[in-house]
Amino acid sequence: MARIHVNERVQKHRDALREAGLRPVQIWVPDTRLPNFAAECVRQSRLVAQADLADADMMCFMDEALEDVDGWTA
């Protein structure tokens, strides 16, 4: 059985995806392997939590949204 080179398989797969109307998109995301990643997550989470506590309108909105989950299960 003839082996198809990996580049040819990848190209065939990409061509099929394009034929299906899709296109490739490249995005950059934070590197979770960096030593300061967890600390930065904590820092940003605290900032968001502080901002939420200071925003009475947001707290009211979230409380109202919680009242609208009748029948939802966890």
N, C-alpha and C. Protein backbone atom coordinates (compact mmCIF):
# COMPACT_ATOMS: atom_id res chain seq x y z
N MET A 1 0.85 -1.18 0.00
CA MET A 1 0.00 0.00 0.00
C MET A 1 0.90 1.24 0.00
N ALA A 2 0.65 2.17 -0.89
CA ALA A 2 1.45 3.39 -0.97
C ALA A 2 1.09 4.31 0.18
N ARG A 3 2.12 4.85 0.83
CA ARG A 3 1.90 5.79 1.92
C ARG A 3 1.77 7.20 1.37
N ILE A 4 0.77 7.90 1.83
CA ILE A 4 0.59 9.30 1.43
C ILE A 4 1.39 10.14 2.41
N HIS A 5 2.19 11.03 1.88
CA HIS A 5 3.00 11.92 2.71
C HIS A 5 2.10 12.78 3.58
N VAL A 6 2.53 13.06 4.79
CA VAL A 6 1.71 13.81 5.74
C VAL A 6 1.27 15.15 5.17
N ASN A 7 2.13 15.82 4.43
CA ASN A 7 1.77 17.12 3.85
C ASN A 7 0.61 16.98 2.87
N GLU A 8 0.60 15.89 2.12
CA GLU A 8 -0.49 15.66 1.17
C GLU A 8 -1.81 15.39 1.90
N ARG A 9 -1.74 14.62 3.00
CA ARG A 9 -2.96 14.35 3.79
C ARG A 9 -3.51 15.63 4.39
N VAL A 10 -2.62 16.46 4.93
CA VAL A 10 -3.05 17.72 5.53
C VAL A 10 -3.67 18.61 4.47
N GLN A 11 -3.04 18.70 3.30
CA GLN A 11 -3.57 19.53 2.23
C GLN A 11 -4.93 19.03 1.77
N LYS A 12 -5.09 17.71 1.67
CA LYS A 12 -6.37 17.13 1.28
C LYS A 12 -7.46 17.49 2.29
N HIS A 13 -7.10 17.41 3.57
CA HIS A 13 -8.05 17.76 4.64
C HIS A 13 -8.43 19.24 4.56
N ARG A 14 -7.44 20.09 4.37
CA ARG A 14 -7.71 21.53 4.26
C ARG A 14 -8.57 21.85 3.05
N ASP A 15 -8.28 21.19 1.95
CA ASP A 15 -9.08 21.40 0.74
C ASP A 15 -10.53 21.00 0.98
N ALA A 16 -10.74 19.89 1.69
CA ALA A 16 -12.10 19.44 1.98
C ALA A 16 -12.82 20.45 2.87
N LEU A 17 -12.12 21.01 3.83
CA LEU A 17 -12.73 22.01 4.70
C LEU A 17 -13.09 23.27 3.91
N ARG A 18 -12.19 23.70 3.03
CA ARG A 18 -12.50 24.87 2.20
C ARG A 18 -13.69 24.58 1.28
N GLU A 19 -13.73 23.37 0.76
CA GLU A 19 -14.84 22.97 -0.11
C GLU A 19 -16.16 23.01 0.66
N ALA A 20 -16.09 22.78 1.98
CA ALA A 20 -17.28 22.81 2.82
C ALA A 20 -17.65 24.24 3.23
N GLY A 21 -16.88 25.22 2.72
CA GLY A 21 -17.20 26.62 3.00
C GLY A 21 -16.50 27.19 4.22
N LEU A 22 -15.49 26.49 4.70
CA LEU A 22 -14.74 26.98 5.87
C LEU A 22 -13.43 27.61 5.42
N ARG A 23 -12.85 28.39 6.30
CA ARG A 23 -11.54 28.95 6.01
C ARG A 23 -10.70 28.95 7.28
N PRO A 24 -9.39 28.87 7.15
CA PRO A 24 -8.53 28.84 8.34
C PRO A 24 -8.41 30.23 8.96
N VAL A 25 -8.30 30.24 10.28
CA VAL A 25 -8.12 31.48 11.03
C VAL A 25 -7.04 31.23 12.07
N GLN A 26 -6.10 32.14 12.17
CA GLN A 26 -5.04 32.01 13.16
C GLN A 26 -5.30 33.00 14.29
N ILE A 27 -5.24 32.53 15.53
CA ILE A 27 -5.40 33.42 16.68
C ILE A 27 -4.23 33.21 17.63
N TRP A 28 -3.93 34.23 18.37
CA TRP A 28 -2.87 34.17 19.37
C TRP A 28 -3.52 34.20 20.74
N VAL A 29 -3.12 33.30 21.60
CA VAL A 29 -3.67 33.21 22.95
C VAL A 29 -2.54 33.24 23.96
N PRO A 30 -2.84 33.59 25.22
CA PRO A 30 -1.78 33.61 26.24
C PRO A 30 -1.14 32.22 26.39
N ASP A 31 0.14 32.21 26.67
CA ASP A 31 0.88 30.97 26.87
C ASP A 31 0.67 30.51 28.30
N THR A 32 -0.13 29.47 28.49
CA THR A 32 -0.44 28.98 29.83
C THR A 32 0.75 28.31 30.50
N ARG A 33 1.83 28.10 29.76
CA ARG A 33 3.01 27.46 30.35
C ARG A 33 3.95 28.46 31.03
N LEU A 34 3.70 29.74 30.83
CA LEU A 34 4.57 30.74 31.45
C LEU A 34 4.43 30.69 32.97
N PRO A 35 5.52 30.91 33.68
CA PRO A 35 5.49 30.80 35.14
C PRO A 35 4.55 31.81 35.81
N ASN A 36 4.32 32.96 35.20
CA ASN A 36 3.47 33.97 35.83
C ASN A 36 2.02 33.92 35.35
N PHE A 37 1.65 32.90 34.56
CA PHE A 37 0.30 32.83 34.00
C PHE A 37 -0.76 32.75 35.10
N ALA A 38 -0.60 31.84 36.04
CA ALA A 38 -1.61 31.66 37.10
C ALA A 38 -1.75 32.93 37.93
N ALA A 39 -0.63 33.55 38.27
CA ALA A 39 -0.67 34.78 39.07
C ALA A 39 -1.39 35.89 38.31
N GLU A 40 -1.18 35.97 37.01
CA GLU A 40 -1.85 36.99 36.20
C GLU A 40 -3.35 36.72 36.13
N CYS A 41 -3.74 35.46 36.07
CA CYS A 41 -5.17 35.10 36.08
C CYS A 41 -5.81 35.55 37.39
N VAL A 42 -5.13 35.31 38.49
CA VAL A 42 -5.64 35.72 39.80
C VAL A 42 -5.77 37.24 39.86
N ARG A 43 -4.73 37.94 39.40
CA ARG A 43 -4.74 39.41 39.42
C ARG A 43 -5.93 39.96 38.63
N GLN A 44 -6.13 39.44 37.42
CA GLN A 44 -7.22 39.93 36.59
C GLN A 44 -8.58 39.55 37.16
N SER A 45 -8.69 38.37 37.74
CA SER A 45 -9.95 37.95 38.36
C SER A 45 -10.32 38.86 39.52
N ARG A 46 -9.34 39.24 40.31
CA ARG A 46 -9.60 40.14 41.44
C ARG A 46 -10.07 41.51 40.95
N LEU A 47 -9.44 42.00 39.89
CA LEU A 47 -9.85 43.29 39.33
C LEU A 47 -11.30 43.25 38.85
N VAL A 48 -11.66 42.17 38.19
CA VAL A 48 -13.04 42.03 37.70
C VAL A 48 -14.01 41.93 38.87
N ALA A 49 -13.65 41.15 39.90
CA ALA A 49 -14.52 40.99 41.06
C ALA A 49 -14.72 42.33 41.77
N GLN A 50 -13.66 43.10 41.89
CA GLN A 50 -13.76 44.42 42.53
C GLN A 50 -14.66 45.35 41.72
N ALA A 51 -14.50 45.31 40.40
CA ALA A 51 -15.32 46.16 39.54
C ALA A 51 -16.79 45.75 39.63
N ASP A 52 -17.04 44.44 39.68
CA ASP A 52 -18.43 43.96 39.79
C ASP A 52 -19.06 44.42 41.10
N LEU A 53 -18.32 44.34 42.18
CA LEU A 53 -18.86 44.76 43.49
C LEU A 53 -19.18 46.24 43.51
N ALA A 54 -18.40 47.03 42.76
CA ALA A 54 -18.60 48.47 42.75
C ALA A 54 -19.72 48.89 41.80
N ASP A 55 -20.22 47.97 40.99
CA ASP A 55 -21.23 48.30 39.99
C ASP A 55 -22.59 47.77 40.46
N ALA A 56 -23.35 48.62 41.12
CA ALA A 56 -24.64 48.21 41.67
C ALA A 56 -25.61 47.79 40.56
N ASP A 57 -25.57 48.47 39.42
CA ASP A 57 -26.45 48.10 38.31
C ASP A 57 -26.17 46.68 37.82
N MET A 58 -24.88 46.34 37.76
CA MET A 58 -24.51 44.99 37.31
C MET A 58 -24.99 43.95 38.31
N MET A 59 -24.83 44.22 39.59
CA MET A 59 -25.28 43.28 40.62
C MET A 59 -26.80 43.09 40.53
N CYS A 60 -27.52 44.16 40.30
CA CYS A 60 -28.98 44.07 40.15
C CYS A 60 -29.33 43.23 38.93
N PHE A 61 -28.64 43.48 37.83
CA PHE A 61 -28.87 42.72 36.61
C PHE A 61 -28.62 41.23 36.82
N MET A 62 -27.53 40.90 37.50
CA MET A 62 -27.20 39.49 37.74
C MET A 62 -28.23 38.84 38.67
N ASP A 63 -28.67 39.57 39.68
CA ASP A 63 -29.70 39.03 40.58
C ASP A 63 -31.00 38.76 39.81
N GLU A 64 -31.37 39.67 38.92
CA GLU A 64 -32.57 39.48 38.12
C GLU A 64 -32.41 38.29 37.18
N ALA A 65 -31.21 38.12 36.64
CA ALA A 65 -30.97 37.00 35.73
C ALA A 65 -31.08 35.67 36.48
N LEU A 66 -30.62 35.65 37.72
CA LEU A 66 -30.72 34.43 38.53
C LEU A 66 -32.16 34.03 38.79
N GLU A 67 -33.03 35.02 38.88
CA GLU A 67 -34.44 34.74 39.11
C GLU A 67 -35.11 34.12 37.88
N ASP A 68 -34.45 34.22 36.73
CA ASP A 68 -35.03 33.78 35.48
C ASP A 68 -34.50 32.40 35.05
N VAL A 69 -34.08 31.59 36.00
CA VAL A 69 -33.54 30.27 35.66
C VAL A 69 -34.44 29.16 36.18
N ASP A 70 -35.71 29.45 36.31
CA ASP A 70 -36.66 28.48 36.79
C ASP A 70 -36.63 27.21 35.93
N GLY A 71 -36.44 26.07 36.57
CA GLY A 71 -36.41 24.81 35.86
C GLY A 71 -35.04 24.38 35.41
N TRP A 72 -34.03 25.24 35.53
CA TRP A 72 -32.68 24.86 35.15
C TRP A 72 -32.11 23.92 36.19
N THR A 73 -31.28 23.02 35.76
CA THR A 73 -30.58 22.14 36.70
C THR A 73 -29.09 22.24 36.47
N ALA A 74 -28.34 22.00 37.53
CA ALA A 74 -26.87 22.09 37.43
C ALA A 74 -26.29 20.80 36.91
